[in-house]
Protein backbone atom coordinates (compact mmCIF):
# COMPACT_ATOMS: atom_id res chain seq x y z
CA MET A 1 202.39 64.29 84.95
CA PRO A 2 203.14 67.84 85.21
CA TRP A 3 201.72 70.00 87.95
CA ARG A 4 198.43 71.58 87.46
CA GLY A 5 197.37 73.01 90.61
CA PRO A 6 197.31 76.85 91.38
CA SER A 7 200.61 77.70 90.94
CA ALA A 8 201.17 75.76 87.89
CA GLY A 9 202.31 78.83 85.25
CA TRP A 10 204.58 80.40 88.73
CA PRO A 11 208.35 80.50 87.76
CA ILE A 12 210.47 78.30 90.12
CA LYS A 13 212.91 80.23 92.39
CA TYR A 14 216.01 78.15 94.13
CA VAL A 15 217.32 79.07 97.32
CA ARG A 16 219.73 77.76 99.89
CA MET A 17 218.44 77.02 103.33
CA ASP A 18 219.31 74.51 106.26
CA PRO A 19 219.44 71.21 105.60
CA HIS A 20 217.47 70.39 109.26
CA LYS A 21 215.21 73.17 109.03
CA ARG A 22 214.17 72.02 104.94
CA HIS A 23 214.02 68.78 106.61
CA GLN A 24 211.74 69.77 109.45
CA PHE A 25 209.77 71.84 107.07
CA GLU A 26 209.06 69.27 104.37
CA THR A 27 208.04 66.74 107.18
CA LEU A 28 205.99 69.27 108.93
CA CYS A 29 203.98 70.14 105.64
CA LYS A 30 203.35 67.00 104.73
CA ALA A 31 201.94 65.65 108.10
CA MET A 32 199.44 68.77 107.96
CA GLY A 33 198.12 68.18 104.24
CA VAL A 34 199.34 71.26 102.92
CA ARG A 35 201.84 72.12 100.07
CA GLU A 36 204.74 74.03 100.38
CA TYR A 37 204.40 76.73 98.22
CA GLU A 38 201.30 77.96 100.32
CA ILE A 39 203.31 78.31 103.41
CA ILE A 40 206.26 80.04 101.80
CA ASP A 41 204.30 82.12 99.77
CA GLN A 42 202.45 83.19 103.46
CA VAL A 43 205.51 83.75 104.77
CA ILE A 44 206.60 85.91 101.99
CA SER A 45 203.35 88.15 101.83
CA LYS A 46 203.81 88.68 105.48
CA TRP A 47 207.62 89.72 105.40
CA ILE A 48 206.12 92.10 102.32
CA ARG A 49 203.28 93.94 104.67
CA GLU A 50 205.88 94.25 107.16
CA ASN A 51 208.90 95.73 105.33
CA GLU A 52 207.20 97.54 102.50
CA ASN A 53 207.24 101.13 104.53
CA GLN A 54 210.97 100.94 105.25
CA TYR A 55 213.35 103.07 102.99
CA ARG A 56 217.11 102.47 102.23
CA LEU A 57 219.64 104.73 103.37
CA THR A 58 222.55 103.31 101.53
CA SER A 59 222.99 106.44 99.46
CA TYR A 60 223.53 109.04 102.01
CA LEU A 61 226.48 106.49 104.60
CA VAL A 62 229.90 106.85 103.37
CA ALA A 63 230.51 102.70 104.51
CA PRO A 64 228.67 100.12 102.83
CA ARG A 65 225.96 99.52 105.23
CA GLN A 66 222.64 99.99 105.10
CA VAL A 67 220.46 101.68 107.56
CA THR A 68 216.56 100.97 107.78
CA ILE A 69 214.63 103.16 109.22
CA PHE A 70 210.80 102.29 110.27
CA ALA A 71 209.42 105.03 109.22
CA ASP A 72 205.85 104.63 110.79
CA LYS A 73 207.59 103.68 114.50
CA VAL A 74 209.73 106.71 114.02
CA GLU A 75 207.28 109.06 114.07
CA VAL A 76 205.37 107.14 116.27
CA THR A 77 208.32 107.66 118.84
CA THR A 78 208.75 111.20 118.27
CA GLU A 79 205.38 111.75 119.36
CA ARG A 80 205.61 109.72 122.27
CA ALA A 81 208.70 111.86 123.40
CA ILE A 82 207.26 114.85 122.97
CA LEU A 83 203.97 113.70 124.55
CA ALA A 84 205.95 112.72 127.43
CA SER A 85 208.67 115.75 127.82
CA VAL A 86 205.49 118.46 127.29
CA LYS A 87 203.58 116.77 130.01
CA SER A 88 206.15 116.74 132.32
CA GLU A 89 206.74 120.18 131.70
CA PHE A 90 203.27 121.03 132.14
CA ARG A 91 203.16 119.41 135.25
CA VAL A 92 206.50 121.22 136.53
CA THR A 93 205.65 124.59 135.82
CA LEU A 94 201.64 124.57 136.94
CA ARG A 95 202.96 122.90 140.68
CA ILE A 96 205.74 125.97 140.39
CA LEU A 97 202.48 128.31 139.35
CA ALA A 98 200.07 127.16 141.98
CA ASN A 99 202.76 128.60 144.40
CA PRO A 100 200.53 132.46 145.67
CA LYS A 101 203.71 134.12 146.80
CA LEU A 102 205.45 133.64 143.24
CA GLU A 103 207.23 137.04 142.26
CA GLU A 104 204.74 138.64 138.80
CA GLY A 105 208.34 138.53 136.72
CA PHE A 106 209.08 134.68 137.71
CA ARG A 107 205.18 134.05 136.65
CA SER A 108 205.62 135.79 133.88
CA THR A 109 208.46 133.62 132.51
CA GLN A 110 206.94 130.48 133.87
CA LYS A 111 203.54 131.10 131.72
CA THR A 112 205.86 131.60 128.67
CA ARG A 113 207.58 128.44 129.20
CA LEU A 114 203.87 126.87 129.37
CA GLU A 115 203.26 128.88 125.61
CA ASN A 116 206.17 127.03 124.01
CA ALA A 117 205.20 123.66 125.80
CA LEU A 118 201.78 123.76 124.10
CA ARG A 119 203.17 125.29 120.51
CA ARG A 120 205.47 122.07 120.82
CA ILE A 121 202.24 119.73 121.31
CA ARG A 122 200.98 121.32 117.80
CA ASN A 123 203.56 119.47 115.78
CA VAL A 124 201.93 116.07 117.42
CA SER A 125 199.12 114.07 115.55
CA HIS A 126 195.73 114.95 117.00
CA GLU A 127 195.23 111.17 116.89
CA ALA A 128 197.91 110.87 119.54
CA ARG A 129 196.72 114.25 122.09
CA ALA A 130 193.15 112.28 121.63
CA ARG A 131 194.22 108.92 123.25
CA ASP A 132 195.88 110.83 126.33
CA PRO A 133 193.40 111.65 128.73
CA GLU A 134 196.23 112.92 131.22
CA LEU A 135 197.16 115.37 128.79
CA GLN A 136 194.02 116.56 127.70
CA HIS A 137 193.44 117.14 131.33
CA LEU A 138 196.71 119.20 131.88
CA VAL A 139 196.06 121.21 128.61
CA ASP A 140 192.81 122.43 130.73
CA GLN A 141 194.84 123.11 133.60
CA VAL A 142 197.14 125.46 131.13
CA GLU A 143 194.96 127.20 129.42
CA ALA A 144 193.00 128.07 132.49
CA GLN A 145 196.20 129.43 133.72
CA PHE A 146 195.93 132.33 130.61
CA GLY A 147 192.30 132.51 130.83
């Protein structure tokens, strides 16, 4: 009798797999009372969700290797690096400017350094800046230097 379940109209896809894993998979599915295609469909759906935002750069490489860039992760990592760098620069420069005996020429140079760091954080998303209370505190201190 032919199968009449929800997947009856789906084409069949054959795949190679480790015989031991196949046996374990079949045994577990049978013991749990689930159909194999349901589990496979869930696994494939999860894999698609996790990988659909990746870009392949094979056309730009000399060697026949594939490189995958996780676009969302690269952006977040870049933002974190920028924020860490700027916060460090703010801390050091503010500590220097706290010295009352600082020469005016050097003080001016340090303020220029702060302005440049402020420009760099404008490239970071508003959400990333808003999630960092330490950054907000440092920006307030920096803005007090100018105002």
